[in-house]
Amino acid sequence: LNFVAVMTLFVLVVFTPLCAAFGGLLAMAEGAPFEDGFLHVGGNVVVIALYDMKPKSAGGILLDFISSVIGLGTFSFVVALIGALPFSDRCTDLLGGKREGASRALRRPSRGGRGL
């Protein structure tokens, strides 16, 4: 429950204004409706195509690039921040992610008994 609440709060507080600001600027630069710019920037932030809008003007392309870099950086920071919170560690414990042998795919191959 805590994880869902924090994720919902971060999305509403951080990403909605970010997408609205950059999406509005992009829509103005391209002469497109606000919704198109908002969905395009929102899709760039989470790296999923939500709307097929391709900027054509030089200003629109520059704004698209800047919004993508800032949005993806912010998204990465928020994911890292949430992963570092204590409840993320507790969720891993509860789901059995720290159980011996639970993450075999992440182990390094042995180097003939010499250690790492």
N, C-alpha and C. Protein backbone atom coordinates (compact mmCIF):
# COMPACT_ATOMS: atom_id res chain seq x y z
N LEU A 1 0.83 -1.20 0.00
CA LEU A 1 0.00 0.00 0.00
C LEU A 1 0.87 1.26 0.00
N ASN A 2 1.95 1.26 0.78
CA ASN A 2 2.82 2.44 0.82
C ASN A 2 3.45 2.72 -0.53
N PHE A 3 3.90 1.66 -1.20
CA PHE A 3 4.55 1.82 -2.50
C PHE A 3 3.60 2.44 -3.50
N VAL A 4 2.37 1.97 -3.55
CA VAL A 4 1.38 2.50 -4.49
C VAL A 4 1.09 3.96 -4.18
N ALA A 5 0.97 4.28 -2.90
CA ALA A 5 0.68 5.67 -2.51
C ALA A 5 1.83 6.60 -2.89
N VAL A 6 3.06 6.19 -2.64
CA VAL A 6 4.21 7.03 -2.97
C VAL A 6 4.35 7.19 -4.47
N MET A 7 4.19 6.11 -5.22
CA MET A 7 4.29 6.21 -6.69
C MET A 7 3.21 7.14 -7.25
N THR A 8 1.99 7.00 -6.76
CA THR A 8 0.90 7.85 -7.22
C THR A 8 1.19 9.31 -6.89
N LEU A 9 1.67 9.56 -5.69
CA LEU A 9 1.99 10.92 -5.27
C LEU A 9 3.10 11.52 -6.13
N PHE A 10 4.17 10.75 -6.38
CA PHE A 10 5.27 11.25 -7.20
C PHE A 10 4.81 11.53 -8.63
N VAL A 11 4.00 10.67 -9.18
CA VAL A 11 3.53 10.88 -10.55
C VAL A 11 2.69 12.15 -10.63
N LEU A 12 1.79 12.32 -9.69
CA LEU A 12 0.92 13.49 -9.72
C LEU A 12 1.68 14.78 -9.45
N VAL A 13 2.58 14.75 -8.48
CA VAL A 13 3.25 15.98 -8.06
C VAL A 13 4.43 16.35 -8.97
N VAL A 14 5.16 15.37 -9.46
CA VAL A 14 6.37 15.65 -10.23
C VAL A 14 6.12 15.62 -11.73
N PHE A 15 5.53 14.57 -12.22
CA PHE A 15 5.47 14.38 -13.67
C PHE A 15 4.34 15.12 -14.35
N THR A 16 3.22 15.30 -13.70
CA THR A 16 2.12 16.01 -14.35
C THR A 16 2.48 17.46 -14.67
N PRO A 17 3.04 18.22 -13.70
CA PRO A 17 3.45 19.59 -14.06
C PRO A 17 4.57 19.63 -15.10
N LEU A 18 5.50 18.69 -15.02
CA LEU A 18 6.59 18.63 -15.99
C LEU A 18 6.05 18.39 -17.39
N CYS A 19 5.16 17.43 -17.52
CA CYS A 19 4.57 17.12 -18.83
C CYS A 19 3.68 18.27 -19.32
N ALA A 20 2.97 18.90 -18.40
CA ALA A 20 2.10 20.01 -18.79
C ALA A 20 2.92 21.20 -19.29
N ALA A 21 4.01 21.52 -18.58
CA ALA A 21 4.83 22.67 -18.98
C ALA A 21 5.51 22.43 -20.33
N PHE A 22 6.26 21.34 -20.42
CA PHE A 22 6.96 21.07 -21.67
C PHE A 22 6.01 20.71 -22.80
N GLY A 23 4.94 20.00 -22.48
CA GLY A 23 3.95 19.66 -23.51
C GLY A 23 3.26 20.89 -24.06
N GLY A 24 2.96 21.85 -23.18
CA GLY A 24 2.34 23.10 -23.63
C GLY A 24 3.28 23.90 -24.51
N LEU A 25 4.55 23.97 -24.11
CA LEU A 25 5.54 24.69 -24.93
C LEU A 25 5.71 24.02 -26.30
N LEU A 26 5.78 22.70 -26.29
CA LEU A 26 5.93 21.97 -27.55
C LEU A 26 4.71 22.15 -28.44
N ALA A 27 3.52 22.12 -27.84
CA ALA A 27 2.30 22.31 -28.62
C ALA A 27 2.26 23.72 -29.22
N MET A 28 2.67 24.72 -28.45
CA MET A 28 2.70 26.08 -28.98
C MET A 28 3.71 26.20 -30.13
N ALA A 29 4.87 25.60 -29.96
CA ALA A 29 5.91 25.68 -31.00
C ALA A 29 5.47 25.01 -32.29
N GLU A 30 4.67 23.96 -32.16
CA GLU A 30 4.25 23.20 -33.34
C GLU A 30 2.86 23.59 -33.83
N GLY A 31 2.15 24.43 -33.09
CA GLY A 31 0.79 24.79 -33.48
C GLY A 31 -0.19 23.64 -33.35
N ALA A 32 0.06 22.76 -32.37
CA ALA A 32 -0.77 21.58 -32.14
C ALA A 32 -1.61 21.79 -30.88
N PRO A 33 -2.64 20.99 -30.68
CA PRO A 33 -3.42 21.08 -29.45
C PRO A 33 -2.56 20.72 -28.23
N PHE A 34 -2.92 21.28 -27.07
CA PHE A 34 -2.19 21.03 -25.82
C PHE A 34 -2.12 19.54 -25.50
N GLU A 35 -3.22 18.83 -25.71
CA GLU A 35 -3.27 17.40 -25.37
C GLU A 35 -2.21 16.61 -26.13
N ASP A 36 -2.00 16.97 -27.39
CA ASP A 36 -0.99 16.26 -28.19
C ASP A 36 0.40 16.44 -27.60
N GLY A 37 0.75 17.68 -27.24
CA GLY A 37 2.05 17.94 -26.63
C GLY A 37 2.19 17.27 -25.29
N PHE A 38 1.14 17.31 -24.48
CA PHE A 38 1.16 16.70 -23.14
C PHE A 38 1.40 15.19 -23.24
N LEU A 39 0.65 14.53 -24.12
CA LEU A 39 0.82 13.08 -24.27
C LEU A 39 2.18 12.71 -24.87
N HIS A 40 2.67 13.54 -25.79
CA HIS A 40 3.97 13.26 -26.40
C HIS A 40 5.08 13.35 -25.35
N VAL A 41 5.08 14.41 -24.55
CA VAL A 41 6.11 14.57 -23.51
C VAL A 41 5.93 13.51 -22.44
N GLY A 42 4.70 13.20 -22.06
CA GLY A 42 4.47 12.14 -21.08
C GLY A 42 4.99 10.80 -21.55
N GLY A 43 4.83 10.51 -22.82
CA GLY A 43 5.36 9.28 -23.37
C GLY A 43 6.87 9.27 -23.40
N ASN A 44 7.48 10.43 -23.67
CA ASN A 44 8.95 10.52 -23.64
C ASN A 44 9.50 10.28 -22.25
N VAL A 45 8.79 10.77 -21.24
CA VAL A 45 9.26 10.63 -19.86
C VAL A 45 9.33 9.16 -19.45
N VAL A 46 8.33 8.39 -19.81
CA VAL A 46 8.30 6.98 -19.40
C VAL A 46 8.77 6.04 -20.51
N VAL A 47 9.27 6.60 -21.59
CA VAL A 47 9.83 5.85 -22.73
C VAL A 47 8.81 4.88 -23.33
N ILE A 48 7.57 5.34 -23.42
CA ILE A 48 6.50 4.58 -24.08
C ILE A 48 5.77 5.57 -24.98
N ALA A 49 5.60 5.23 -26.23
CA ALA A 49 4.92 6.15 -27.15
C ALA A 49 3.43 6.22 -26.81
N LEU A 50 3.01 7.36 -26.27
CA LEU A 50 1.60 7.56 -25.95
C LEU A 50 0.87 8.26 -27.08
N TYR A 51 1.61 9.01 -27.88
CA TYR A 51 1.00 9.76 -28.98
C TYR A 51 2.03 9.93 -30.07
N ASP A 52 1.61 9.80 -31.30
CA ASP A 52 2.54 9.88 -32.42
C ASP A 52 2.59 11.31 -32.96
N MET A 53 3.35 12.14 -32.26
CA MET A 53 3.53 13.52 -32.69
C MET A 53 5.02 13.71 -32.99
N LYS A 54 5.32 14.11 -34.19
CA LYS A 54 6.71 14.34 -34.57
C LYS A 54 6.90 15.82 -34.83
N PRO A 55 7.68 16.49 -33.98
CA PRO A 55 7.92 17.92 -34.21
C PRO A 55 8.60 18.16 -35.56
N LYS A 56 8.18 19.22 -36.24
CA LYS A 56 8.72 19.51 -37.57
C LYS A 56 9.60 20.76 -37.59
N SER A 57 9.29 21.72 -36.73
CA SER A 57 10.07 22.96 -36.72
C SER A 57 11.35 22.77 -35.91
N ALA A 58 12.32 23.63 -36.16
CA ALA A 58 13.59 23.55 -35.42
C ALA A 58 13.36 23.80 -33.93
N GLY A 59 12.50 24.76 -33.60
CA GLY A 59 12.18 25.03 -32.20
C GLY A 59 11.48 23.85 -31.53
N GLY A 60 10.58 23.22 -32.27
CA GLY A 60 9.87 22.06 -31.73
C GLY A 60 10.80 20.89 -31.49
N ILE A 61 11.73 20.67 -32.42
CA ILE A 61 12.69 19.58 -32.26
C ILE A 61 13.60 19.84 -31.06
N LEU A 62 14.05 21.09 -30.90
CA LEU A 62 14.89 21.44 -29.76
C LEU A 62 14.14 21.27 -28.45
N LEU A 63 12.89 21.76 -28.40
CA LEU A 63 12.07 21.59 -27.19
C LEU A 63 11.81 20.11 -26.90
N ASP A 64 11.59 19.33 -27.93
CA ASP A 64 11.37 17.89 -27.75
C ASP A 64 12.61 17.24 -27.15
N PHE A 65 13.78 17.60 -27.64
CA PHE A 65 15.03 17.05 -27.11
C PHE A 65 15.24 17.45 -25.66
N ILE A 66 15.07 18.74 -25.36
CA ILE A 66 15.27 19.22 -23.99
C ILE A 66 14.28 18.58 -23.04
N SER A 67 13.01 18.51 -23.44
CA SER A 67 12.00 17.90 -22.56
C SER A 67 12.26 16.41 -22.36
N SER A 68 12.77 15.74 -23.38
CA SER A 68 13.08 14.31 -23.24
C SER A 68 14.23 14.09 -22.27
N VAL A 69 15.27 14.89 -22.37
CA VAL A 69 16.42 14.75 -21.48
C VAL A 69 16.03 15.06 -20.04
N ILE A 70 15.35 16.17 -19.83
CA ILE A 70 14.95 16.54 -18.47
C ILE A 70 13.94 15.54 -17.92
N GLY A 71 12.98 15.14 -18.73
CA GLY A 71 11.96 14.20 -18.27
C GLY A 71 12.53 12.84 -17.93
N LEU A 72 13.39 12.32 -18.79
CA LEU A 72 13.99 11.01 -18.52
C LEU A 72 14.92 11.07 -17.32
N GLY A 73 15.66 12.17 -17.19
CA GLY A 73 16.52 12.33 -16.01
C GLY A 73 15.72 12.39 -14.73
N THR A 74 14.61 13.12 -14.75
CA THR A 74 13.74 13.21 -13.57
C THR A 74 13.12 11.86 -13.25
N PHE A 75 12.66 11.15 -14.27
CA PHE A 75 12.07 9.83 -14.06
C PHE A 75 13.10 8.88 -13.45
N SER A 76 14.32 8.89 -13.97
CA SER A 76 15.37 8.02 -13.44
C SER A 76 15.69 8.37 -12.00
N PHE A 77 15.75 9.66 -11.69
CA PHE A 77 16.02 10.09 -10.31
C PHE A 77 14.93 9.62 -9.37
N VAL A 78 13.67 9.77 -9.77
CA VAL A 78 12.55 9.36 -8.91
C VAL A 78 12.56 7.85 -8.69
N VAL A 79 12.83 7.08 -9.73
CA VAL A 79 12.90 5.61 -9.57
C VAL A 79 14.02 5.24 -8.61
N ALA A 80 15.20 5.88 -8.74
CA ALA A 80 16.31 5.61 -7.84
C ALA A 80 15.98 6.03 -6.42
N LEU A 81 15.32 7.17 -6.27
CA LEU A 81 14.93 7.65 -4.95
C LEU A 81 13.96 6.69 -4.26
N ILE A 82 12.98 6.24 -5.00
CA ILE A 82 12.00 5.30 -4.42
C ILE A 82 12.67 3.97 -4.10
N GLY A 83 13.59 3.53 -4.94
CA GLY A 83 14.31 2.29 -4.67
C GLY A 83 15.18 2.37 -3.43
N ALA A 84 15.60 3.57 -3.05
CA ALA A 84 16.45 3.74 -1.88
C ALA A 84 15.66 3.91 -0.59
N LEU A 85 14.36 4.05 -0.66
CA LEU A 85 13.55 4.22 0.55
C LEU A 85 13.44 2.91 1.32
N PRO A 86 13.31 3.01 2.65
CA PRO A 86 13.26 1.80 3.49
C PRO A 86 12.13 0.84 3.13
N PHE A 87 10.96 1.36 2.73
CA PHE A 87 9.87 0.43 2.43
C PHE A 87 10.15 -0.41 1.19
N SER A 88 11.00 0.08 0.28
CA SER A 88 11.37 -0.75 -0.88
C SER A 88 12.16 -1.97 -0.43
N ASP A 89 13.03 -1.77 0.55
CA ASP A 89 13.80 -2.87 1.11
C ASP A 89 12.87 -3.86 1.82
N ARG A 90 11.90 -3.34 2.55
CA ARG A 90 10.94 -4.23 3.24
C ARG A 90 10.10 -5.00 2.24
N CYS A 91 9.70 -4.35 1.14
CA CYS A 91 8.93 -5.06 0.11
C CYS A 91 9.74 -6.20 -0.49
N THR A 92 11.03 -5.96 -0.70
CA THR A 92 11.90 -7.02 -1.23
C THR A 92 11.97 -8.19 -0.27
N ASP A 93 12.07 -7.89 1.03
CA ASP A 93 12.06 -8.96 2.04
C ASP A 93 10.76 -9.74 2.01
N LEU A 94 9.63 -9.02 1.99
CA LEU A 94 8.32 -9.68 2.02
C LEU A 94 8.05 -10.52 0.79
N LEU A 95 8.56 -10.08 -0.36
CA LEU A 95 8.34 -10.82 -1.60
C LEU A 95 9.35 -11.94 -1.81
N GLY A 96 10.31 -12.08 -0.90
CA GLY A 96 11.26 -13.17 -0.99
C GLY A 96 12.43 -12.90 -1.91
N GLY A 97 12.69 -11.65 -2.23
CA GLY A 97 13.78 -11.32 -3.14
C GLY A 97 15.15 -11.47 -2.54
N LYS A 98 15.24 -11.54 -1.21
CA LYS A 98 16.54 -11.68 -0.55
C LYS A 98 16.78 -13.10 -0.06
N ARG A 99 15.91 -13.99 -0.43
CA ARG A 99 16.05 -15.39 -0.04
C ARG A 99 17.25 -16.00 -0.75
N GLU A 100 17.98 -16.86 -0.10
CA GLU A 100 19.14 -17.52 -0.70
C GLU A 100 18.72 -18.26 -1.96
N GLY A 101 19.38 -17.98 -3.06
CA GLY A 101 19.09 -18.66 -4.32
C GLY A 101 17.96 -18.02 -5.11
N ALA A 102 17.37 -16.92 -4.60
CA ALA A 102 16.24 -16.29 -5.29
C ALA A 102 16.68 -15.55 -6.55
N SER A 103 17.91 -15.12 -6.59
CA SER A 103 18.35 -14.34 -7.76
C SER A 103 19.58 -15.00 -8.39
N ARG A 104 19.42 -16.22 -8.77
CA ARG A 104 20.51 -16.98 -9.37
C ARG A 104 21.05 -16.33 -10.64
N ALA A 105 20.19 -15.69 -11.38
CA ALA A 105 20.61 -15.09 -12.65
C ALA A 105 21.55 -13.91 -12.43
N LEU A 106 21.55 -13.34 -11.24
CA LEU A 106 22.39 -12.18 -10.98
C LEU A 106 23.76 -12.56 -10.41
N ARG A 107 23.97 -13.80 -10.11
CA ARG A 107 25.25 -14.22 -9.56
C ARG A 107 26.33 -14.20 -10.62
N ARG A 108 27.54 -13.89 -10.18
CA ARG A 108 28.68 -13.94 -11.10
C ARG A 108 29.17 -15.36 -11.22
N PRO A 109 29.69 -15.71 -12.37
CA PRO A 109 30.24 -17.06 -12.50
C PRO A 109 31.49 -17.21 -11.64
N SER A 110 31.72 -18.40 -11.18
CA SER A 110 32.86 -18.69 -10.34
C SER A 110 34.15 -18.56 -11.14
N ARG A 111 35.22 -18.13 -10.49
CA ARG A 111 36.52 -18.00 -11.14
C ARG A 111 37.49 -19.06 -10.63
N GLY A 112 37.04 -20.27 -10.58
CA GLY A 112 37.93 -21.37 -10.19
C GLY A 112 38.33 -21.32 -8.73
N GLY A 113 37.44 -20.79 -7.86
CA GLY A 113 37.72 -20.80 -6.44
C GLY A 113 38.65 -19.67 -5.97
N ARG A 114 39.01 -18.76 -6.86
CA ARG A 114 39.90 -17.66 -6.46
C ARG A 114 39.16 -16.49 -5.87
N GLY A 115 37.87 -16.52 -5.85
CA GLY A 115 37.09 -15.40 -5.34
C GLY A 115 36.86 -14.38 -6.44
N LEU A 116 36.25 -13.28 -6.07
CA LEU A 116 35.95 -12.23 -7.05
C LEU A 116 37.11 -11.33 -7.09
